[in-house]
Amino acid sequence: MICLKCGSKELEDYPLKGIGTLFTFTVIAKGAAPTEFDDQQAMTGDLLVGIVALEEGPKIAAQLTDLKADDLYIGMPLKMVFRRLYEQEGVIRYSFKFSSV
């Protein structure tokens, strides 16, 4: 990795709190899913995905959980949570998602 501002290869870890606000979102549904989401969408149904603006500044793409699309709004406060993604061939896959505060 290289710093985009100065070109340095000497980077440091920077811990993030996992707190932010919803910048934008979409629903990935059957027939509309990009190919990298095909398998997961087929196993779990529609996926809520958002761009979350973290308190520290970066914006990250992540799945949203414990929410309905009708309840989402730009600027909604969110927190990072650890959740099940899907099960495949007997193996449960976990990762971070964002939920309401």
PDB file of N, CA and C in Angstrom:
ATOM      1  N   MET A   1       0.834  -1.170   0.000  1.00  0.00           N
ATOM      2  CA  MET A   1       0.000   0.000   0.000  1.00  0.00           C
ATOM      3  C   MET A   1       0.891   1.249   0.000  1.00  0.00           C
ATOM      4  N   ILE A   2       0.355   2.285  -0.602  1.00  0.00           N
ATOM      5  CA  ILE A   2       1.085   3.541  -0.702  1.00  0.00           C
ATOM      6  C   ILE A   2       0.141   4.685  -0.331  1.00  0.00           C
ATOM      7  N   CYS A   3       0.638   5.638   0.431  1.00  0.00           N
ATOM      8  CA  CYS A   3      -0.135   6.829   0.784  1.00  0.00           C
ATOM      9  C   CYS A   3      -0.437   7.611  -0.492  1.00  0.00           C
ATOM     10  N   LEU A   4      -1.704   7.914  -0.723  1.00  0.00           N
ATOM     11  CA  LEU A   4      -2.085   8.651  -1.928  1.00  0.00           C
ATOM     12  C   LEU A   4      -1.663  10.112  -1.881  1.00  0.00           C
ATOM     13  N   LYS A   5      -1.444  10.646  -0.678  1.00  0.00           N
ATOM     14  CA  LYS A   5      -1.060  12.060  -0.566  1.00  0.00           C
ATOM     15  C   LYS A   5       0.435  12.274  -0.757  1.00  0.00           C
ATOM     16  N   CYS A   6       1.271  11.433  -0.088  1.00  0.00           N
ATOM     17  CA  CYS A   6       2.719  11.698  -0.105  1.00  0.00           C
ATOM     18  C   CYS A   6       3.534  10.612  -0.814  1.00  0.00           C
ATOM     19  N   GLY A   7       2.916   9.468  -1.134  1.00  0.00           N
ATOM     20  CA  GLY A   7       3.623   8.400  -1.822  1.00  0.00           C
ATOM     21  C   GLY A   7       4.432   7.486  -0.917  1.00  0.00           C
ATOM     22  N   SER A   8       4.379   7.706   0.396  1.00  0.00           N
ATOM     23  CA  SER A   8       5.151   6.893   1.339  1.00  0.00           C
ATOM     24  C   SER A   8       4.607   5.468   1.406  1.00  0.00           C
ATOM     25  N   LYS A   9       5.532   4.527   1.589  1.00  0.00           N
ATOM     26  CA  LYS A   9       5.148   3.128   1.795  1.00  0.00           C
ATOM     27  C   LYS A   9       5.147   2.776   3.277  1.00  0.00           C
ATOM     28  N   GLU A  10       5.533   3.719   4.118  1.00  0.00           N
ATOM     29  CA  GLU A  10       5.578   3.496   5.559  1.00  0.00           C
ATOM     30  C   GLU A  10       4.250   3.929   6.178  1.00  0.00           C
ATOM     31  N   LEU A  11       3.327   2.987   6.260  1.00  0.00           N
ATOM     32  CA  LEU A  11       1.999   3.270   6.795  1.00  0.00           C
ATOM     33  C   LEU A  11       1.866   2.699   8.200  1.00  0.00           C
ATOM     34  N   GLU A  12       0.994   3.299   8.981  1.00  0.00           N
ATOM     35  CA  GLU A  12       0.728   2.829  10.339  1.00  0.00           C
ATOM     36  C   GLU A  12      -0.730   2.413  10.451  1.00  0.00           C
ATOM     37  N   ASP A  13      -0.985   1.449  11.342  1.00  0.00           N
ATOM     38  CA  ASP A  13      -2.362   1.086  11.638  1.00  0.00           C
ATOM     39  C   ASP A  13      -3.043   2.257  12.332  1.00  0.00           C
ATOM     40  N   TYR A  14      -4.306   2.469  12.015  1.00  0.00           N
ATOM     41  CA  TYR A  14      -5.078   3.530  12.646  1.00  0.00           C
ATOM     42  C   TYR A  14      -6.404   2.924  13.083  1.00  0.00           C
ATOM     43  N   PRO A  15      -6.596   2.716  14.377  1.00  0.00           N
ATOM     44  CA  PRO A  15      -7.824   2.071  14.839  1.00  0.00           C
ATOM     45  C   PRO A  15      -9.047   2.947  14.564  1.00  0.00           C
ATOM     46  N   LEU A  16     -10.114   2.315  14.116  1.00  0.00           N
ATOM     47  CA  LEU A  16     -11.376   2.992  13.839  1.00  0.00           C
ATOM     48  C   LEU A  16     -12.415   2.536  14.850  1.00  0.00           C
ATOM     49  N   LYS A  17     -13.272   3.450  15.290  1.00  0.00           N
ATOM     50  CA  LYS A  17     -14.277   3.124  16.307  1.00  0.00           C
ATOM     51  C   LYS A  17     -15.434   2.294  15.756  1.00  0.00           C
ATOM     52  N   GLY A  18     -15.658   2.342  14.442  1.00  0.00           N
ATOM     53  CA  GLY A  18     -16.790   1.617  13.872  1.00  0.00           C
ATOM     54  C   GLY A  18     -18.111   2.349  14.045  1.00  0.00           C
ATOM     55  N   ILE A  19     -18.038   3.671  14.207  1.00  0.00           N
ATOM     56  CA  ILE A  19     -19.230   4.503  14.347  1.00  0.00           C
ATOM     57  C   ILE A  19     -19.246   5.478  13.171  1.00  0.00           C
ATOM     58  N   GLY A  20     -20.418   5.656  12.563  1.00  0.00           N
ATOM     59  CA  GLY A  20     -20.498   6.582  11.442  1.00  0.00           C
ATOM     60  C   GLY A  20     -21.925   6.903  11.082  1.00  0.00           C
ATOM     61  N   THR A  21     -22.100   7.480   9.900  1.00  0.00           N
ATOM     62  CA  THR A  21     -23.422   7.826   9.401  1.00  0.00           C
ATOM     63  C   THR A  21     -23.587   7.282   7.990  1.00  0.00           C
ATOM     64  N   LEU A  22     -24.836   7.023   7.638  1.00  0.00           N
ATOM     65  CA  LEU A  22     -25.142   6.487   6.317  1.00  0.00           C
ATOM     66  C   LEU A  22     -24.990   7.588   5.271  1.00  0.00           C
ATOM     67  N   PHE A  23     -24.090   7.378   4.318  1.00  0.00           N
ATOM     68  CA  PHE A  23     -23.819   8.340   3.258  1.00  0.00           C
ATOM     69  C   PHE A  23     -24.758   8.108   2.075  1.00  0.00           C
ATOM     70  N   THR A  24     -24.937   6.822   1.699  1.00  0.00           N
ATOM     71  CA  THR A  24     -25.874   6.409   0.659  1.00  0.00           C
ATOM     72  C   THR A  24     -26.090   4.910   0.784  1.00  0.00           C
ATOM     73  N   PHE A  25     -27.098   4.361   0.095  1.00  0.00           N
ATOM     74  CA  PHE A  25     -27.383   2.927   0.209  1.00  0.00           C
ATOM     75  C   PHE A  25     -28.118   2.425  -1.028  1.00  0.00           C
ATOM     76  N   THR A  26     -28.156   1.103  -1.152  1.00  0.00           N
ATOM     77  CA  THR A  26     -28.905   0.447  -2.217  1.00  0.00           C
ATOM     78  C   THR A  26     -29.349  -0.932  -1.743  1.00  0.00           C
ATOM     79  N   VAL A  27     -30.271  -1.521  -2.472  1.00  0.00           N
ATOM     80  CA  VAL A  27     -30.715  -2.888  -2.230  1.00  0.00           C
ATOM     81  C   VAL A  27     -30.208  -3.733  -3.391  1.00  0.00           C
ATOM     82  N   ILE A  28     -29.462  -4.779  -3.068  1.00  0.00           N
ATOM     83  CA  ILE A  28     -28.998  -5.708  -4.103  1.00  0.00           C
ATOM     84  C   ILE A  28     -29.993  -6.860  -4.121  1.00  0.00           C
ATOM     85  N   ALA A  29     -30.769  -6.932  -5.192  1.00  0.00           N
ATOM     86  CA  ALA A  29     -31.848  -7.919  -5.294  1.00  0.00           C
ATOM     87  C   ALA A  29     -31.581  -8.889  -6.436  1.00  0.00           C
ATOM     88  N   LYS A  30     -32.334  -9.963  -6.445  1.00  0.00           N
ATOM     89  CA  LYS A  30     -32.174 -10.991  -7.482  1.00  0.00           C
ATOM     90  C   LYS A  30     -32.310 -10.368  -8.864  1.00  0.00           C
ATOM     91  N   GLY A  31     -31.387 -10.728  -9.725  1.00  0.00           N
ATOM     92  CA  GLY A  31     -31.408 -10.232 -11.086  1.00  0.00           C
ATOM     93  C   GLY A  31     -30.697  -8.901 -11.247  1.00  0.00           C
ATOM     94  N   ALA A  32     -30.429  -8.232 -10.120  1.00  0.00           N
ATOM     95  CA  ALA A  32     -29.760  -6.934 -10.200  1.00  0.00           C
ATOM     96  C   ALA A  32     -28.412  -6.966  -9.502  1.00  0.00           C
ATOM     97  N   ALA A  33     -28.076  -8.097  -8.917  1.00  0.00           N
ATOM     98  CA  ALA A  33     -26.840  -8.190  -8.140  1.00  0.00           C
ATOM     99  C   ALA A  33     -25.622  -8.254  -9.053  1.00  0.00           C
ATOM    100  N   PRO A  34     -24.587  -7.473  -8.729  1.00  0.00           N
ATOM    101  CA  PRO A  34     -23.318  -7.662  -9.441  1.00  0.00           C
ATOM    102  C   PRO A  34     -22.835  -9.098  -9.209  1.00  0.00           C
ATOM    103  N   THR A  35     -22.085  -9.640 -10.125  1.00  0.00           N
ATOM    104  CA  THR A  35     -21.714 -11.052 -10.055  1.00  0.00           C
ATOM    105  C   THR A  35     -21.025 -11.441  -8.754  1.00  0.00           C
ATOM    106  N   GLU A  36     -20.273 -10.518  -8.129  1.00  0.00           N
ATOM    107  CA  GLU A  36     -19.594 -10.878  -6.880  1.00  0.00           C
ATOM    108  C   GLU A  36     -20.587 -11.101  -5.729  1.00  0.00           C
ATOM    109  N   PHE A  37     -21.846 -10.688  -5.897  1.00  0.00           N
ATOM    110  CA  PHE A  37     -22.856 -10.889  -4.867  1.00  0.00           C
ATOM    111  C   PHE A  37     -23.843 -12.002  -5.217  1.00  0.00           C
ATOM    112  N   ASP A  38     -23.741 -12.591  -6.418  1.00  0.00           N
ATOM    113  CA  ASP A  38     -24.714 -13.586  -6.869  1.00  0.00           C
ATOM    114  C   ASP A  38     -24.927 -14.711  -5.873  1.00  0.00           C
ATOM    115  N   ASP A  39     -23.842 -15.362  -5.446  1.00  0.00           N
ATOM    116  CA  ASP A  39     -23.971 -16.510  -4.554  1.00  0.00           C
ATOM    117  C   ASP A  39     -24.592 -16.119  -3.224  1.00  0.00           C
ATOM    118  N   GLN A  40     -24.115 -15.058  -2.631  1.00  0.00           N
ATOM    119  CA  GLN A  40     -24.633 -14.640  -1.334  1.00  0.00           C
ATOM    120  C   GLN A  40     -26.101 -14.213  -1.446  1.00  0.00           C
ATOM    121  N   GLN A  41     -26.451 -13.480  -2.487  1.00  0.00           N
ATOM    122  CA  GLN A  41     -27.838 -13.046  -2.651  1.00  0.00           C
ATOM    123  C   GLN A  41     -28.746 -14.253  -2.840  1.00  0.00           C
ATOM    124  N   ALA A  42     -28.298 -15.268  -3.573  1.00  0.00           N
ATOM    125  CA  ALA A  42     -29.094 -16.471  -3.771  1.00  0.00           C
ATOM    126  C   ALA A  42     -29.299 -17.233  -2.457  1.00  0.00           C
ATOM    127  N   MET A  43     -28.314 -17.183  -1.559  1.00  0.00           N
ATOM    128  CA  MET A  43     -28.404 -17.904  -0.281  1.00  0.00           C
ATOM    129  C   MET A  43     -29.184 -17.141   0.775  1.00  0.00           C
ATOM    130  N   THR A  44     -29.152 -15.807   0.732  1.00  0.00           N
ATOM    131  CA  THR A  44     -29.722 -15.030   1.832  1.00  0.00           C
ATOM    132  C   THR A  44     -30.868 -14.113   1.429  1.00  0.00           C
ATOM    133  N   GLY A  45     -31.094 -13.906   0.139  1.00  0.00           N
ATOM    134  CA  GLY A  45     -32.111 -12.957  -0.296  1.00  0.00           C
ATOM    135  C   GLY A  45     -31.508 -11.581  -0.509  1.00  0.00           C
ATOM    136  N   ASP A  46     -32.392 -10.589  -0.599  1.00  0.00           N
ATOM    137  CA  ASP A  46     -31.943  -9.223  -0.876  1.00  0.00           C
ATOM    138  C   ASP A  46     -30.933  -8.750   0.166  1.00  0.00           C
ATOM    139  N   LEU A  47     -29.958  -7.972  -0.292  1.00  0.00           N
ATOM    140  CA  LEU A  47     -28.916  -7.434   0.578  1.00  0.00           C
ATOM    141  C   LEU A  47     -29.024  -5.913   0.627  1.00  0.00           C
ATOM    142  N   LEU A  48     -29.015  -5.364   1.837  1.00  0.00           N
ATOM    143  CA  LEU A  48     -28.910  -3.918   1.995  1.00  0.00           C
ATOM    144  C   LEU A  48     -27.433  -3.581   2.098  1.00  0.00           C
ATOM    145  N   VAL A  49     -26.971  -2.677   1.262  1.00  0.00           N
ATOM    146  CA  VAL A  49     -25.565  -2.283   1.260  1.00  0.00           C
ATOM    147  C   VAL A  49     -25.498  -0.764   1.299  1.00  0.00           C
ATOM    148  N   GLY A  50     -24.589  -0.243   2.107  1.00  0.00           N
ATOM    149  CA  GLY A  50     -24.467   1.201   2.220  1.00  0.00           C
ATOM    150  C   GLY A  50     -23.028   1.658   2.173  1.00  0.00           C
ATOM    151  N   ILE A  51     -22.864   2.936   1.933  1.00  0.00           N
ATOM    152  CA  ILE A  51     -21.580   3.594   2.117  1.00  0.00           C
ATOM    153  C   ILE A  51     -21.697   4.317   3.456  1.00  0.00           C
ATOM    154  N   VAL A  52     -20.808   3.967   4.374  1.00  0.00           N
ATOM    155  CA  VAL A  52     -20.846   4.531   5.723  1.00  0.00           C
ATOM    156  C   VAL A  52     -19.674   5.494   5.875  1.00  0.00           C
ATOM    157  N   ALA A  53     -19.993   6.736   6.263  1.00  0.00           N
ATOM    158  CA  ALA A  53     -18.964   7.738   6.535  1.00  0.00           C
ATOM    159  C   ALA A  53     -18.570   7.602   8.000  1.00  0.00           C
ATOM    160  N   LEU A  54     -17.380   7.069   8.243  1.00  0.00           N
ATOM    161  CA  LEU A  54     -16.920   6.858   9.611  1.00  0.00           C
ATOM    162  C   LEU A  54     -16.546   8.177  10.274  1.00  0.00           C
ATOM    163  N   GLU A  55     -16.648   8.224  11.605  1.00  0.00           N
ATOM    164  CA  GLU A  55     -16.306   9.436  12.357  1.00  0.00           C
ATOM    165  C   GLU A  55     -14.902   9.929  12.050  1.00  0.00           C
ATOM    166  N   GLU A  56     -13.981   9.000  11.794  1.00  0.00           N
ATOM    167  CA  GLU A  56     -12.581   9.361  11.554  1.00  0.00           C
ATOM    168  C   GLU A  56     -12.339   9.902  10.144  1.00  0.00           C
ATOM    169  N   GLY A  57     -13.336   9.805   9.262  1.00  0.00           N
ATOM    170  CA  GLY A  57     -13.188  10.374   7.924  1.00  0.00           C
ATOM    171  C   GLY A  57     -13.398   9.431   6.754  1.00  0.00           C
ATOM    172  N   PRO A  58     -12.868   8.189   6.792  1.00  0.00           N
ATOM    173  CA  PRO A  58     -13.031   7.328   5.619  1.00  0.00           C
ATOM    174  C   PRO A  58     -14.492   6.949   5.383  1.00  0.00           C
ATOM    175  N   LYS A  59     -14.796   6.687   4.127  1.00  0.00           N
ATOM    176  CA  LYS A  59     -16.101   6.136   3.756  1.00  0.00           C
ATOM    177  C   LYS A  59     -15.855   4.699   3.314  1.00  0.00           C
ATOM    178  N   ILE A  60     -16.664   3.775   3.845  1.00  0.00           N
ATOM    179  CA  ILE A  60     -16.486   2.362   3.495  1.00  0.00           C
ATOM    180  C   ILE A  60     -17.808   1.755   3.041  1.00  0.00           C
ATOM    181  N   ALA A  61     -17.726   0.784   2.149  1.00  0.00           N
ATOM    182  CA  ALA A  61     -18.898   0.031   1.706  1.00  0.00           C
ATOM    183  C   ALA A  61     -19.085  -1.143   2.653  1.00  0.00           C
ATOM    184  N   ALA A  62     -20.332  -1.372   3.066  1.00  0.00           N
ATOM    185  CA  ALA A  62     -20.606  -2.472   3.987  1.00  0.00           C
ATOM    186  C   ALA A  62     -22.065  -2.876   3.886  1.00  0.00           C
ATOM    187  N   GLN A  63     -22.331  -4.117   4.271  1.00  0.00           N
ATOM    188  CA  GLN A  63     -23.713  -4.562   4.370  1.00  0.00           C
ATOM    189  C   GLN A  63     -24.358  -3.927   5.598  1.00  0.00           C
ATOM    190  N   LEU A  64     -25.667  -3.716   5.516  1.00  0.00           N
ATOM    191  CA  LEU A  64     -26.447  -3.182   6.625  1.00  0.00           C
ATOM    192  C   LEU A  64     -27.299  -4.315   7.177  1.00  0.00           C
ATOM    193  N   THR A  65     -27.522  -4.349   8.486  1.00  0.00           N
ATOM    194  CA  THR A  65     -28.242  -5.450   9.108  1.00  0.00           C
ATOM    195  C   THR A  65     -29.223  -4.936  10.145  1.00  0.00           C
ATOM    196  N   ASP A  66     -30.211  -5.773  10.462  1.00  0.00           N
ATOM    197  CA  ASP A  66     -31.232  -5.452  11.456  1.00  0.00           C
ATOM    198  C   ASP A  66     -32.001  -4.188  11.075  1.00  0.00           C
ATOM    199  N   LEU A  67     -32.108  -3.901   9.784  1.00  0.00           N
ATOM    200  CA  LEU A  67     -32.778  -2.706   9.278  1.00  0.00           C
ATOM    201  C   LEU A  67     -33.618  -3.080   8.060  1.00  0.00           C
ATOM    202  N   LYS A  68     -34.587  -2.239   7.752  1.00  0.00           N
ATOM    203  CA  LYS A  68     -35.375  -2.382   6.522  1.00  0.00           C
ATOM    204  C   LYS A  68     -35.097  -1.172   5.645  1.00  0.00           C
ATOM    205  N   ALA A  69     -35.133  -1.372   4.340  1.00  0.00           N
ATOM    206  CA  ALA A  69     -34.819  -0.285   3.404  1.00  0.00           C
ATOM    207  C   ALA A  69     -35.694   0.943   3.655  1.00  0.00           C
ATOM    208  N   ASP A  70     -36.960   0.743   3.991  1.00  0.00           N
ATOM    209  CA  ASP A  70     -37.868   1.870   4.229  1.00  0.00           C
ATOM    210  C   ASP A  70     -37.483   2.695   5.451  1.00  0.00           C
ATOM    211  N   ASP A  71     -36.703   2.121   6.363  1.00  0.00           N
ATOM    212  CA  ASP A  71     -36.311   2.833   7.583  1.00  0.00           C
ATOM    213  C   ASP A  71     -34.990   3.602   7.422  1.00  0.00           C
ATOM    214  N   LEU A  72     -34.287   3.383   6.322  1.00  0.00           N
ATOM    215  CA  LEU A  72     -32.979   4.015   6.121  1.00  0.00           C
ATOM    216  C   LEU A  72     -33.126   5.462   5.673  1.00  0.00           C
ATOM    217  N   TYR A  73     -32.203   6.303   6.115  1.00  0.00           N
ATOM    218  CA  TYR A  73     -32.160   7.685   5.647  1.00  0.00           C
ATOM    219  C   TYR A  73     -30.709   8.168   5.665  1.00  0.00           C
ATOM    220  N   ILE A  74     -30.392   9.054   4.745  1.00  0.00           N
ATOM    221  CA  ILE A  74     -29.043   9.608   4.654  1.00  0.00           C
ATOM    222  C   ILE A  74     -28.756  10.373   5.952  1.00  0.00           C
ATOM    223  N   GLY A  75     -27.585  10.116   6.522  1.00  0.00           N
ATOM    224  CA  GLY A  75     -27.220  10.740   7.795  1.00  0.00           C
ATOM    225  C   GLY A  75     -27.586   9.903   9.006  1.00  0.00           C
ATOM    226  N   MET A  76     -28.213   8.741   8.798  1.00  0.00           N
ATOM    227  CA  MET A  76     -28.610   7.852   9.892  1.00  0.00           C
ATOM    228  C   MET A  76     -27.371   7.391  10.655  1.00  0.00           C
ATOM    229  N   PRO A  77     -27.371   7.502  11.993  1.00  0.00           N
ATOM    230  CA  PRO A  77     -26.223   7.017  12.765  1.00  0.00           C
ATOM    231  C   PRO A  77     -26.155   5.491  12.742  1.00  0.00           C
ATOM    232  N   LEU A  78     -24.954   4.965  12.554  1.00  0.00           N
ATOM    233  CA  LEU A  78     -24.746   3.521  12.458  1.00  0.00           C
ATOM    234  C   LEU A  78     -23.550   3.105  13.300  1.00  0.00           C
ATOM    235  N   LYS A  79     -23.537   1.819  13.683  1.00  0.00           N
ATOM    236  CA  LYS A  79     -22.399   1.245  14.397  1.00  0.00           C
ATOM    237  C   LYS A  79     -22.043  -0.088  13.754  1.00  0.00           C
ATOM    238  N   MET A  80     -20.763  -0.424  13.816  1.00  0.00           N
ATOM    239  CA  MET A  80     -20.291  -1.688  13.266  1.00  0.00           C
ATOM    240  C   MET A  80     -20.638  -2.824  14.225  1.00  0.00           C
ATOM    241  N   VAL A  81     -21.124  -3.940  13.658  1.00  0.00           N
ATOM    242  CA  VAL A  81     -21.445  -5.142  14.427  1.00  0.00           C
ATOM    243  C   VAL A  81     -20.874  -6.349  13.691  1.00  0.00           C
ATOM    244  N   PHE A  82     -20.664  -7.436  14.402  1.00  0.00           N
ATOM    245  CA  PHE A  82     -20.150  -8.679  13.824  1.00  0.00           C
ATOM    246  C   PHE A  82     -21.341  -9.591  13.593  1.00  0.00           C
ATOM    247  N   ARG A  83     -21.583 -10.033  12.354  1.00  0.00           N
ATOM    248  CA  ARG A  83     -22.763 -10.816  12.022  1.00  0.00           C
ATOM    249  C   ARG A  83     -22.433 -11.952  11.061  1.00  0.00           C
ATOM    250  N   ARG A  84     -23.342 -12.875  11.009  1.00  0.00           N
ATOM    251  CA  ARG A  84     -23.285 -13.983  10.060  1.00  0.00           C
ATOM    252  C   ARG A  84     -23.574 -13.445   8.665  1.00  0.00           C
ATOM    253  N   LEU A  85     -22.766 -13.857   7.698  1.00  0.00           N
ATOM    254  CA  LEU A  85     -23.029 -13.496   6.305  1.00  0.00           C
ATOM    255  C   LEU A  85     -23.902 -14.559   5.648  1.00  0.00           C
ATOM    256  N   TYR A  86     -23.414 -15.805   5.652  1.00  0.00           N
ATOM    257  CA  TYR A  86     -24.144 -16.914   5.048  1.00  0.00           C
ATOM    258  C   TYR A  86     -23.454 -18.217   5.414  1.00  0.00           C
ATOM    259  N   GLU A  87     -24.110 -19.324   5.101  1.00  0.00           N
ATOM    260  CA  GLU A  87     -23.503 -20.645   5.299  1.00  0.00           C
ATOM    261  C   GLU A  87     -23.316 -21.282   3.939  1.00  0.00           C
ATOM    262  N   GLN A  88     -22.127 -21.846   3.719  1.00  0.00           N
ATOM    263  CA  GLN A  88     -21.819 -22.488   2.445  1.00  0.00           C
ATOM    264  C   GLN A  88     -21.056 -23.768   2.716  1.00  0.00           C
ATOM    265  N   GLU A  89     -21.582 -24.872   2.234  1.00  0.00           N
ATOM    266  CA  GLU A  89     -20.955 -26.186   2.398  1.00  0.00           C
ATOM    267  C   GLU A  89     -20.650 -26.479   3.862  1.00  0.00           C
ATOM    268  N   GLY A  90     -21.580 -26.116   4.746  1.00  0.00           N
ATOM    269  CA  GLY A  90     -21.439 -26.398   6.161  1.00  0.00           C
ATOM    270  C   GLY A  90     -20.554 -25.434   6.932  1.00  0.00           C
ATOM    271  N   VAL A  91     -20.028 -24.421   6.250  1.00  0.00           N
ATOM    272  CA  VAL A  91     -19.165 -23.438   6.912  1.00  0.00           C
ATOM    273  C   VAL A  91     -19.919 -22.110   7.017  1.00  0.00           C
ATOM    274  N   ILE A  92     -20.020 -21.577   8.234  1.00  0.00           N
ATOM    275  CA  ILE A  92     -20.681 -20.296   8.435  1.00  0.00           C
ATOM    276  C   ILE A  92     -19.656 -19.185   8.252  1.00  0.00           C
ATOM    277  N   ARG A  93     -19.994 -18.221   7.411  1.00  0.00           N
ATOM    278  CA  ARG A  93     -19.109 -17.092   7.132  1.00  0.00           C
ATOM    279  C   ARG A  93     -19.593 -15.880   7.942  1.00  0.00           C
ATOM    280  N   TYR A  94     -18.676 -15.223   8.643  1.00  0.00           N
ATOM    281  CA  TYR A  94     -18.990 -14.041   9.437  1.00  0.00           C
ATOM    282  C   TYR A  94     -18.171 -12.858   8.953  1.00  0.00           C
ATOM    283  N   SER A  95     -18.676 -11.669   9.199  1.00  0.00           N
ATOM    284  CA  SER A  95     -17.933 -10.448   8.899  1.00  0.00           C
ATOM    285  C   SER A  95     -18.626  -9.279   9.589  1.00  0.00           C
ATOM    286  N   PHE A  96     -18.103  -8.080   9.374  1.00  0.00           N
ATOM    287  CA  PHE A  96     -18.738  -6.912   9.966  1.00  0.00           C
ATOM    288  C   PHE A  96     -19.860  -6.427   9.063  1.00  0.00           C
ATOM    289  N   LYS A  97     -20.869  -5.844   9.669  1.00  0.00           N
ATOM    290  CA  LYS A  97     -21.957  -5.143   8.989  1.00  0.00           C
ATOM    291  C   LYS A  97     -22.230  -3.905   9.848  1.00  0.00           C
ATOM    292  N   PHE A  98     -23.142  -3.062   9.390  1.00  0.00           N
ATOM    293  CA  PHE A  98     -23.523  -1.893  10.175  1.00  0.00           C
ATOM    294  C   PHE A  98     -24.999  -1.960  10.510  1.00  0.00           C
ATOM    295  N   SER A  99     -25.311  -1.521  11.733  1.00  0.00           N
ATOM    296  CA  SER A  99     -26.670  -1.526  12.268  1.00  0.00           C
ATOM    297  C   SER A  99     -26.957  -0.151  12.878  1.00  0.00           C
ATOM    298  N   SER A 100     -28.227   0.097  13.210  1.00  0.00           N
ATOM    299  CA  SER A 100     -28.556   1.391  13.830  1.00  0.00           C
ATOM    300  C   SER A 100     -27.951   1.461  15.224  1.00  0.00           C
ATOM    301  N   VAL A 101     -27.682   2.678  15.667  1.00  0.00           N
ATOM    302  CA  VAL A 101     -27.081   2.913  16.983  1.00  0.00           C
ATOM    303  C   VAL A 101     -28.125   2.700  18.062  1.00  0.00           C
TER     304      VAL A 101
END
